[in-house]
Structures are given as C-alpha cells and as structure tokens.
C-alpha cells in the first residue's frame, strides 16, 4: 500500500509541472504575469524589440528558449538557431 501511495504522489508531482504559457500576439506584460514562477533573462531591449531567454533548469542539455516581442507583442519563439529557408533533398 505504501508503494502505491508513493507512486501516486510521484505521478501527481510530475503531472503538476507545467510548461511555459504563451500565445502569439500576447503582450510582454501578460506573458510575464502568466509565467511569474519562471525566471527570464532580458537579452535585448530597445524601443521596438525585446528579447527574453528562458533556460530549462530541469534539463541542462536542452538549448534555451528565446521569446521575441516587437512593439510589445510576442511574434516569435525559437531556440536561438536559425532554420534554413530551403531544404534540398537528394534522392
């Protein structure tokens, strides 16, 4: 019975861990408010562009996420790597 109880507690703990909440077009203030329990590093800030970085502390091997806000609205989320525009497949 103790093993079952322990397993249920562990599953409850793991299922309660949530990801980052974001939506394209969301304002920077509402993004930071919705994710108040996360720590974001301000990478760049100007009049038109603001970039925040979030590193997953649970897995140090994963690259960080970057959140780009233009004129105060979220327009891009990526891992800091540029994707190619065209992929040519040789068959």
PDB file of N, CA and C in Angstrom:
ATOM      1  N   UNK A   1       0.817  -1.190   0.000  1.00  0.00           N
ATOM      2  CA  UNK A   1       0.000   0.000   0.000  1.00  0.00           C
ATOM      3  C   UNK A   1       0.866   1.261   0.000  1.00  0.00           C
ATOM      4  N   UNK A   2       1.984   1.198   0.719  1.00  0.00           N
ATOM      5  CA  UNK A   2       2.872   2.364   0.764  1.00  0.00           C
ATOM      6  C   UNK A   2       3.488   2.636  -0.606  1.00  0.00           C
ATOM      7  N   UNK A   3       3.795   1.553  -1.352  1.00  0.00           N
ATOM      8  CA  UNK A   3       4.365   1.733  -2.684  1.00  0.00           C
ATOM      9  C   UNK A   3       3.358   2.402  -3.617  1.00  0.00           C
ATOM     10  N   UNK A   4       2.107   1.994  -3.500  1.00  0.00           N
ATOM     11  CA  UNK A   4       1.063   2.594  -4.324  1.00  0.00           C
ATOM     12  C   UNK A   4       0.890   4.071  -3.992  1.00  0.00           C
ATOM     13  N   UNK A   5       0.877   4.393  -2.724  1.00  0.00           N
ATOM     14  CA  UNK A   5       0.749   5.778  -2.280  1.00  0.00           C
ATOM     15  C   UNK A   5       1.932   6.615  -2.775  1.00  0.00           C
ATOM     16  N   UNK A   6       3.139   6.085  -2.657  1.00  0.00           N
ATOM     17  CA  UNK A   6       4.336   6.788  -3.110  1.00  0.00           C
ATOM     18  C   UNK A   6       4.283   7.016  -4.618  1.00  0.00           C
ATOM     19  N   UNK A   7       3.861   6.001  -5.374  1.00  0.00           N
ATOM     20  CA  UNK A   7       3.765   6.121  -6.828  1.00  0.00           C
ATOM     21  C   UNK A   7       2.748   7.191  -7.219  1.00  0.00           C
ATOM     22  N   UNK A   8       1.621   7.226  -6.534  1.00  0.00           N
ATOM     23  CA  UNK A   8       0.614   8.243  -6.825  1.00  0.00           C
ATOM     24  C   UNK A   8       1.109   9.648  -6.519  1.00  0.00           C
ATOM     25  N   UNK A   9       1.857   9.800  -5.431  1.00  0.00           N
ATOM     26  CA  UNK A   9       2.400  11.110  -5.086  1.00  0.00           C
ATOM     27  C   UNK A   9       3.406  11.555  -6.136  1.00  0.00           C
ATOM     28  N   UNK A  10       4.261  10.649  -6.587  1.00  0.00           N
ATOM     29  CA  UNK A  10       5.254  10.987  -7.615  1.00  0.00           C
ATOM     30  C   UNK A  10       4.564  11.353  -8.923  1.00  0.00           C
ATOM     31  N   UNK A  11       3.561  10.597  -9.327  1.00  0.00           N
ATOM     32  CA  UNK A  11       2.835  10.908 -10.558  1.00  0.00           C
ATOM     33  C   UNK A  11       2.103  12.246 -10.462  1.00  0.00           C
ATOM     34  N   UNK A  12       1.533  12.523  -9.300  1.00  0.00           N
ATOM     35  CA  UNK A  12       0.872  13.808  -9.105  1.00  0.00           C
ATOM     36  C   UNK A  12       1.864  14.959  -9.206  1.00  0.00           C
ATOM     37  N   UNK A  13       3.045  14.783  -8.622  1.00  0.00           N
ATOM     38  CA  UNK A  13       4.077  15.815  -8.686  1.00  0.00           C
ATOM     39  C   UNK A  13       4.531  16.049 -10.121  1.00  0.00           C
ATOM     40  N   UNK A  14       4.785  14.975 -10.854  1.00  0.00           N
ATOM     41  CA  UNK A  14       5.265  15.121 -12.228  1.00  0.00           C
ATOM     42  C   UNK A  14       4.194  15.709 -13.141  1.00  0.00           C
ATOM     43  N   UNK A  15       2.943  15.374 -12.911  1.00  0.00           N
ATOM     44  CA  UNK A  15       1.886  15.920 -13.767  1.00  0.00           C
ATOM     45  C   UNK A  15       1.568  17.373 -13.437  1.00  0.00           C
ATOM     46  N   UNK A  16       1.959  17.822 -12.243  1.00  0.00           N
ATOM     47  CA  UNK A  16       1.682  19.210 -11.885  1.00  0.00           C
ATOM     48  C   UNK A  16       2.698  20.178 -12.471  1.00  0.00           C
ATOM     49  N   UNK A  17       3.816  19.684 -12.947  1.00  0.00           N
ATOM     50  CA  UNK A  17       4.816  20.547 -13.577  1.00  0.00           C
ATOM     51  C   UNK A  17       4.272  21.003 -14.924  1.00  0.00           C
ATOM     52  N   UNK A  18       4.204  22.282 -15.113  1.00  0.00           N
ATOM     53  CA  UNK A  18       3.632  22.791 -16.355  1.00  0.00           C
ATOM     54  C   UNK A  18       4.692  23.518 -17.160  1.00  0.00           C
ATOM     55  N   UNK A  19       4.417  23.682 -18.420  1.00  0.00           N
ATOM     56  CA  UNK A  19       5.328  24.369 -19.303  1.00  0.00           C
ATOM     57  C   UNK A  19       5.101  25.864 -19.284  1.00  0.00           C
ATOM     58  N   UNK A  20       5.683  26.521 -20.238  1.00  0.00           N
ATOM     59  CA  UNK A  20       5.549  27.959 -20.357  1.00  0.00           C
ATOM     60  C   UNK A  20       4.241  28.261 -21.084  1.00  0.00           C
ATOM     61  N   UNK A  21       3.518  29.231 -20.585  1.00  0.00           N
ATOM     62  CA  UNK A  21       2.244  29.624 -21.188  1.00  0.00           C
ATOM     63  C   UNK A  21       2.474  30.861 -22.056  1.00  0.00           C
ATOM     64  N   UNK A  22       2.231  30.716 -23.351  1.00  0.00           N
ATOM     65  CA  UNK A  22       2.376  31.856 -24.254  1.00  0.00           C
ATOM     66  C   UNK A  22       1.437  31.699 -25.434  1.00  0.00           C
ATOM     67  N   UNK A  23       1.162  32.824 -26.071  1.00  0.00           N
ATOM     68  CA  UNK A  23       0.314  32.869 -27.253  1.00  0.00           C
ATOM     69  C   UNK A  23       0.848  33.966 -28.156  1.00  0.00           C
ATOM     70  N   UNK A  24       0.956  33.694 -29.441  1.00  0.00           N
ATOM     71  CA  UNK A  24       1.442  34.694 -30.376  1.00  0.00           C
ATOM     72  C   UNK A  24       0.526  35.904 -30.330  1.00  0.00           C
ATOM     73  N   UNK A  25       1.120  37.088 -30.287  1.00  0.00           N
ATOM     74  CA  UNK A  25       0.355  38.317 -30.196  1.00  0.00           C
ATOM     75  C   UNK A  25       0.113  38.765 -28.769  1.00  0.00           C
ATOM     76  N   UNK A  26       0.560  37.975 -27.818  1.00  0.00           N
ATOM     77  CA  UNK A  26       0.396  38.304 -26.405  1.00  0.00           C
ATOM     78  C   UNK A  26       1.335  39.446 -26.024  1.00  0.00           C
ATOM     79  N   UNK A  27       0.889  40.322 -25.118  1.00  0.00           N
ATOM     80  CA  UNK A  27       1.754  41.410 -24.685  1.00  0.00           C
ATOM     81  C   UNK A  27       2.832  40.881 -23.751  1.00  0.00           C
ATOM     82  N   UNK A  28       3.923  41.611 -23.657  1.00  0.00           N
ATOM     83  CA  UNK A  28       5.027  41.195 -22.792  1.00  0.00           C
ATOM     84  C   UNK A  28       4.600  41.177 -21.330  1.00  0.00           C
ATOM     85  N   UNK A  29       3.776  42.127 -20.926  1.00  0.00           N
ATOM     86  CA  UNK A  29       3.335  42.182 -19.533  1.00  0.00           C
ATOM     87  C   UNK A  29       2.480  40.968 -19.173  1.00  0.00           C
ATOM     88  N   UNK A  30       1.537  40.598 -20.051  1.00  0.00           N
ATOM     89  CA  UNK A  30       0.692  39.436 -19.754  1.00  0.00           C
ATOM     90  C   UNK A  30       1.492  38.139 -19.834  1.00  0.00           C
ATOM     91  N   UNK A  31       2.500  38.083 -20.703  1.00  0.00           N
ATOM     92  CA  UNK A  31       3.374  36.909 -20.782  1.00  0.00           C
ATOM     93  C   UNK A  31       4.134  36.722 -19.474  1.00  0.00           C
ATOM     94  N   UNK A  32       4.729  37.793 -18.973  1.00  0.00           N
ATOM     95  CA  UNK A  32       5.490  37.696 -17.726  1.00  0.00           C
ATOM     96  C   UNK A  32       4.568  37.423 -16.533  1.00  0.00           C
ATOM     97  N   UNK A  33       3.362  37.973 -16.559  1.00  0.00           N
ATOM     98  CA  UNK A  33       2.404  37.728 -15.479  1.00  0.00           C
ATOM     99  C   UNK A  33       1.942  36.271 -15.479  1.00  0.00           C
ATOM    100  N   UNK A  34       1.699  35.699 -16.664  1.00  0.00           N
ATOM    101  CA  UNK A  34       1.242  34.313 -16.762  1.00  0.00           C
ATOM    102  C   UNK A  34       2.336  33.325 -16.368  1.00  0.00           C
ATOM    103  N   UNK A  35       3.586  33.731 -16.483  1.00  0.00           N
ATOM    104  CA  UNK A  35       4.720  32.864 -16.160  1.00  0.00           C
ATOM    105  C   UNK A  35       5.534  33.436 -14.997  1.00  0.00           C
ATOM    106  N   UNK A  36       4.841  33.927 -13.994  1.00  0.00           N
ATOM    107  CA  UNK A  36       5.508  34.603 -12.879  1.00  0.00           C
ATOM    108  C   UNK A  36       6.428  33.681 -12.089  1.00  0.00           C
ATOM    109  N   UNK A  37       6.218  32.367 -12.143  1.00  0.00           N
ATOM    110  CA  UNK A  37       7.067  31.453 -11.398  1.00  0.00           C
ATOM    111  C   UNK A  37       8.306  31.023 -12.176  1.00  0.00           C
ATOM    112  N   UNK A  38       8.492  31.528 -13.357  1.00  0.00           N
ATOM    113  CA  UNK A  38       9.688  31.245 -14.174  1.00  0.00           C
ATOM    114  C   UNK A  38      10.629  32.441 -14.119  1.00  0.00           C
ATOM    115  N   UNK A  39      11.897  32.175 -14.321  1.00  0.00           N
ATOM    116  CA  UNK A  39      12.855  33.277 -14.352  1.00  0.00           C
ATOM    117  C   UNK A  39      13.334  33.472 -15.799  1.00  0.00           C
ATOM    118  N   UNK A  40      13.114  34.653 -16.313  1.00  0.00           N
ATOM    119  CA  UNK A  40      13.512  35.014 -17.670  1.00  0.00           C
ATOM    120  C   UNK A  40      14.651  36.020 -17.601  1.00  0.00           C
ATOM    121  N   UNK A  41      15.628  35.849 -18.484  1.00  0.00           N
ATOM    122  CA  UNK A  41      16.728  36.799 -18.593  1.00  0.00           C
ATOM    123  C   UNK A  41      16.434  37.746 -19.748  1.00  0.00           C
ATOM    124  N   UNK A  42      16.563  39.035 -19.500  1.00  0.00           N
ATOM    125  CA  UNK A  42      16.384  40.025 -20.554  1.00  0.00           C
ATOM    126  C   UNK A  42      17.655  40.061 -21.384  1.00  0.00           C
ATOM    127  N   UNK A  43      17.552  39.658 -22.643  1.00  0.00           N
ATOM    128  CA  UNK A  43      18.710  39.581 -23.525  1.00  0.00           C
ATOM    129  C   UNK A  43      18.922  40.890 -24.254  1.00  0.00           C
ATOM    130  N   UNK A  44      17.827  41.468 -24.752  1.00  0.00           N
ATOM    131  CA  UNK A  44      17.933  42.710 -25.527  1.00  0.00           C
ATOM    132  C   UNK A  44      16.673  43.529 -25.311  1.00  0.00           C
ATOM    133  N   UNK A  45      16.856  44.819 -25.195  1.00  0.00           N
ATOM    134  CA  UNK A  45      15.708  45.702 -25.030  1.00  0.00           C
ATOM    135  C   UNK A  45      15.967  46.998 -25.781  1.00  0.00           C
ATOM    136  N   UNK A  46      15.035  47.357 -26.640  1.00  0.00           N
ATOM    137  CA  UNK A  46      15.093  48.626 -27.368  1.00  0.00           C
ATOM    138  C   UNK A  46      13.669  49.142 -27.482  1.00  0.00           C
ATOM    139  N   UNK A  47      13.479  50.220 -28.231  1.00  0.00           N
ATOM    140  CA  UNK A  47      12.137  50.787 -28.384  1.00  0.00           C
ATOM    141  C   UNK A  47      11.189  49.837 -29.097  1.00  0.00           C
ATOM    142  N   UNK A  48      11.688  49.069 -30.050  1.00  0.00           N
ATOM    143  CA  UNK A  48      10.818  48.210 -30.849  1.00  0.00           C
ATOM    144  C   UNK A  48      10.961  46.730 -30.540  1.00  0.00           C
ATOM    145  N   UNK A  49      12.121  46.276 -30.074  1.00  0.00           N
ATOM    146  CA  UNK A  49      12.373  44.849 -29.914  1.00  0.00           C
ATOM    147  C   UNK A  49      12.815  44.532 -28.489  1.00  0.00           C
ATOM    148  N   UNK A  50      12.210  43.499 -27.908  1.00  0.00           N
ATOM    149  CA  UNK A  50      12.596  42.991 -26.594  1.00  0.00           C
ATOM    150  C   UNK A  50      12.726  41.487 -26.703  1.00  0.00           C
ATOM    151  N   UNK A  51      13.825  40.938 -26.176  1.00  0.00           N
ATOM    152  CA  UNK A  51      14.075  39.504 -26.241  1.00  0.00           C
ATOM    153  C   UNK A  51      14.323  38.983 -24.836  1.00  0.00           C
ATOM    154  N   UNK A  52      13.595  37.928 -24.477  1.00  0.00           N
ATOM    155  CA  UNK A  52      13.775  37.246 -23.198  1.00  0.00           C
ATOM    156  C   UNK A  52      14.298  35.837 -23.458  1.00  0.00           C
ATOM    157  N   UNK A  53      15.123  35.345 -22.542  1.00  0.00           N
ATOM    158  CA  UNK A  53      15.667  33.991 -22.645  1.00  0.00           C
ATOM    159  C   UNK A  53      15.226  33.198 -21.424  1.00  0.00           C
ATOM    160  N   UNK A  54      14.809  31.946 -21.656  1.00  0.00           N
ATOM    161  CA  UNK A  54      14.451  31.044 -20.565  1.00  0.00           C
ATOM    162  C   UNK A  54      15.221  29.752 -20.728  1.00  0.00           C
ATOM    163  N   UNK A  55      15.923  29.345 -19.664  1.00  0.00           N
ATOM    164  CA  UNK A  55      16.686  28.105 -19.668  1.00  0.00           C
ATOM    165  C   UNK A  55      15.937  27.106 -18.796  1.00  0.00           C
ATOM    166  N   UNK A  56      15.705  25.913 -19.323  1.00  0.00           N
ATOM    167  CA  UNK A  56      15.040  24.863 -18.570  1.00  0.00           C
ATOM    168  C   UNK A  56      16.017  24.312 -17.535  1.00  0.00           C
ATOM    169  N   UNK A  57      15.756  24.561 -16.272  1.00  0.00           N
ATOM    170  CA  UNK A  57      16.654  24.116 -15.209  1.00  0.00           C
ATOM    171  C   UNK A  57      16.543  22.632 -14.918  1.00  0.00           C
ATOM    172  N   UNK A  58      15.512  21.975 -15.441  1.00  0.00           N
ATOM    173  CA  UNK A  58      15.362  20.541 -15.233  1.00  0.00           C
ATOM    174  C   UNK A  58      16.266  19.750 -16.155  1.00  0.00           C
ATOM    175  N   UNK A  59      16.610  20.300 -17.285  1.00  0.00           N
ATOM    176  CA  UNK A  59      17.452  19.604 -18.255  1.00  0.00           C
ATOM    177  C   UNK A  59      18.495  20.587 -18.785  1.00  0.00           C
ATOM    178  N   UNK A  60      19.715  20.393 -18.371  1.00  0.00           N
ATOM    179  CA  UNK A  60      20.782  21.309 -18.770  1.00  0.00           C
ATOM    180  C   UNK A  60      21.279  21.058 -20.186  1.00  0.00           C
ATOM    181  N   UNK A  61      20.852  19.968 -20.804  1.00  0.00           N
ATOM    182  CA  UNK A  61      21.304  19.681 -22.167  1.00  0.00           C
ATOM    183  C   UNK A  61      20.434  20.357 -23.218  1.00  0.00           C
ATOM    184  N   UNK A  62      19.206  20.752 -22.861  1.00  0.00           N
ATOM    185  CA  UNK A  62      18.314  21.411 -23.812  1.00  0.00           C
ATOM    186  C   UNK A  62      18.766  22.842 -24.054  1.00  0.00           C
ATOM    187  N   UNK A  63      18.721  23.298 -25.302  1.00  0.00           N
ATOM    188  CA  UNK A  63      19.045  24.711 -25.562  1.00  0.00           C
ATOM    189  C   UNK A  63      17.958  25.614 -24.987  1.00  0.00           C
ATOM    190  N   UNK A  64      18.287  26.865 -24.721  1.00  0.00           N
ATOM    191  CA  UNK A  64      17.294  27.776 -24.131  1.00  0.00           C
ATOM    192  C   UNK A  64      16.231  28.194 -25.148  1.00  0.00           C
ATOM    193  N   UNK A  65      15.124  28.711 -24.644  1.00  0.00           N
ATOM    194  CA  UNK A  65      14.073  29.290 -25.474  1.00  0.00           C
ATOM    195  C   UNK A  65      14.256  30.804 -25.497  1.00  0.00           C
ATOM    196  N   UNK A  66      14.004  31.407 -26.656  1.00  0.00           N
ATOM    197  CA  UNK A  66      14.052  32.851 -26.797  1.00  0.00           C
ATOM    198  C   UNK A  66      12.658  33.333 -27.207  1.00  0.00           C
ATOM    199  N   UNK A  67      12.190  34.377 -26.545  1.00  0.00           N
ATOM    200  CA  UNK A  67      10.875  34.960 -26.793  1.00  0.00           C
ATOM    201  C   UNK A  67      11.083  36.376 -27.306  1.00  0.00           C
ATOM    202  N   UNK A  68      10.611  36.655 -28.528  1.00  0.00           N
ATOM    203  CA  UNK A  68      10.833  37.929 -29.200  1.00  0.00           C
ATOM    204  C   UNK A  68       9.542  38.748 -29.189  1.00  0.00           C
ATOM    205  N   UNK A  69       9.628  39.957 -28.684  1.00  0.00           N
ATOM    206  CA  UNK A  69       8.489  40.876 -28.637  1.00  0.00           C
ATOM    207  C   UNK A  69       8.809  42.084 -29.506  1.00  0.00           C
ATOM    208  N   UNK A  70       7.966  42.347 -30.489  1.00  0.00           N
ATOM    209  CA  UNK A  70       8.119  43.525 -31.339  1.00  0.00           C
ATOM    210  C   UNK A  70       6.972  44.467 -31.011  1.00  0.00           C
ATOM    211  N   UNK A  71       7.321  45.696 -30.672  1.00  0.00           N
ATOM    212  CA  UNK A  71       6.344  46.714 -30.266  1.00  0.00           C
ATOM    213  C   UNK A  71       5.469  46.215 -29.113  1.00  0.00           C
ATOM    214  N   UNK A  72       6.039  45.385 -28.243  1.00  0.00           N
ATOM    215  CA  UNK A  72       5.340  44.906 -27.049  1.00  0.00           C
ATOM    216  C   UNK A  72       4.515  43.652 -27.235  1.00  0.00           C
ATOM    217  N   UNK A  73       4.509  43.054 -28.441  1.00  0.00           N
ATOM    218  CA  UNK A  73       3.707  41.865 -28.712  1.00  0.00           C
ATOM    219  C   UNK A  73       4.599  40.704 -29.143  1.00  0.00           C
ATOM    220  N   UNK A  74       4.301  39.509 -28.646  1.00  0.00           N
ATOM    221  CA  UNK A  74       5.080  38.310 -28.962  1.00  0.00           C
ATOM    222  C   UNK A  74       4.854  37.925 -30.419  1.00  0.00           C
ATOM    223  N   UNK A  75       5.958  37.796 -31.173  1.00  0.00           N
ATOM    224  CA  UNK A  75       5.818  37.419 -32.575  1.00  0.00           C
ATOM    225  C   UNK A  75       6.676  36.225 -32.961  1.00  0.00           C
ATOM    226  N   UNK A  76       7.626  35.800 -32.090  1.00  0.00           N
ATOM    227  CA  UNK A  76       8.472  34.676 -32.453  1.00  0.00           C
ATOM    228  C   UNK A  76       8.992  33.996 -31.200  1.00  0.00           C
ATOM    229  N   UNK A  77       9.041  32.667 -31.242  1.00  0.00           N
ATOM    230  CA  UNK A  77       9.643  31.852 -30.182  1.00  0.00           C
ATOM    231  C   UNK A  77      10.530  30.839 -30.868  1.00  0.00           C
ATOM    232  N   UNK A  78      11.791  30.752 -30.450  1.00  0.00           N
ATOM    233  CA  UNK A  78      12.680  29.756 -31.025  1.00  0.00           C
ATOM    234  C   UNK A  78      13.756  29.375 -30.011  1.00  0.00           C
ATOM    235  N   UNK A  79      14.658  28.539 -30.454  1.00  0.00           N
ATOM    236  CA  UNK A  79      15.739  28.062 -29.589  1.00  0.00           C
ATOM    237  C   UNK A  79      17.063  28.760 -29.895  1.00  0.00           C
ATOM    238  N   UNK A  80      17.009  29.866 -30.611  1.00  0.00           N
ATOM    239  CA  UNK A  80      18.210  30.631 -30.892  1.00  0.00           C
ATOM    240  C   UNK A  80      19.007  30.138 -32.071  1.00  0.00           C
ATOM    241  N   UNK A  81      18.440  29.217 -32.844  1.00  0.00           N
ATOM    242  CA  UNK A  81      19.121  28.691 -34.018  1.00  0.00           C
ATOM    243  C   UNK A  81      18.305  29.049 -35.246  1.00  0.00           C
ATOM    244  N   UNK A  82      18.971  29.541 -36.260  1.00  0.00           N
ATOM    245  CA  UNK A  82      18.276  29.922 -37.475  1.00  0.00           C
ATOM    246  C   UNK A  82      17.985  28.680 -38.305  1.00  0.00           C
ATOM    247  N   UNK A  83      16.754  28.525 -38.702  1.00  0.00           N
ATOM    248  CA  UNK A  83      16.350  27.405 -39.555  1.00  0.00           C
ATOM    249  C   UNK A  83      16.594  27.773 -41.012  1.00  0.00           C
ATOM    250  N   UNK A  84      16.996  26.812 -41.831  1.00  0.00           N
ATOM    251  CA  UNK A  84      17.210  27.121 -43.254  1.00  0.00           C
ATOM    252  C   UNK A  84      15.906  27.459 -43.956  1.00  0.00           C
ATOM    253  N   UNK A  85      15.992  28.359 -44.925  1.00  0.00           N
ATOM    254  CA  UNK A  85      14.810  28.748 -45.695  1.00  0.00           C
ATOM    255  C   UNK A  85      14.398  27.650 -46.670  1.00  0.00           C
ATOM    256  N   UNK A  86      15.395  26.987 -47.255  1.00  0.00           N
ATOM    257  CA  UNK A  86      15.131  25.947 -48.261  1.00  0.00           C
ATOM    258  C   UNK A  86      15.919  24.707 -47.883  1.00  0.00           C
ATOM    259  N   UNK A  87      15.263  23.553 -47.950  1.00  0.00           N
ATOM    260  CA  UNK A  87      15.941  22.284 -47.712  1.00  0.00           C
ATOM    261  C   UNK A  87      15.875  21.488 -49.007  1.00  0.00           C
ATOM    262  N   UNK A  88      17.036  21.128 -49.549  1.00  0.00           N
ATOM    263  CA  UNK A  88      17.119  20.362 -50.787  1.00  0.00           C
ATOM    264  C   UNK A  88      17.395  18.922 -50.421  1.00  0.00           C
ATOM    265  N   UNK A  89      16.546  18.046 -50.900  1.00  0.00           N
ATOM    266  CA  UNK A  89      16.721  16.621 -50.637  1.00  0.00           C
ATOM    267  C   UNK A  89      17.219  15.940 -51.904  1.00  0.00           C
ATOM    268  N   UNK A  90      18.325  15.227 -51.783  1.00  0.00           N
ATOM    269  CA  UNK A  90      18.839  14.454 -52.913  1.00  0.00           C
ATOM    270  C   UNK A  90      18.277  13.044 -52.811  1.00  0.00           C
ATOM    271  N   UNK A  91      17.596  12.634 -53.859  1.00  0.00           N
ATOM    272  CA  UNK A  91      17.003  11.280 -53.845  1.00  0.00           C
ATOM    273  C   UNK A  91      17.627  10.435 -54.891  1.00  0.00           C
TER     274      UNK A  91
END
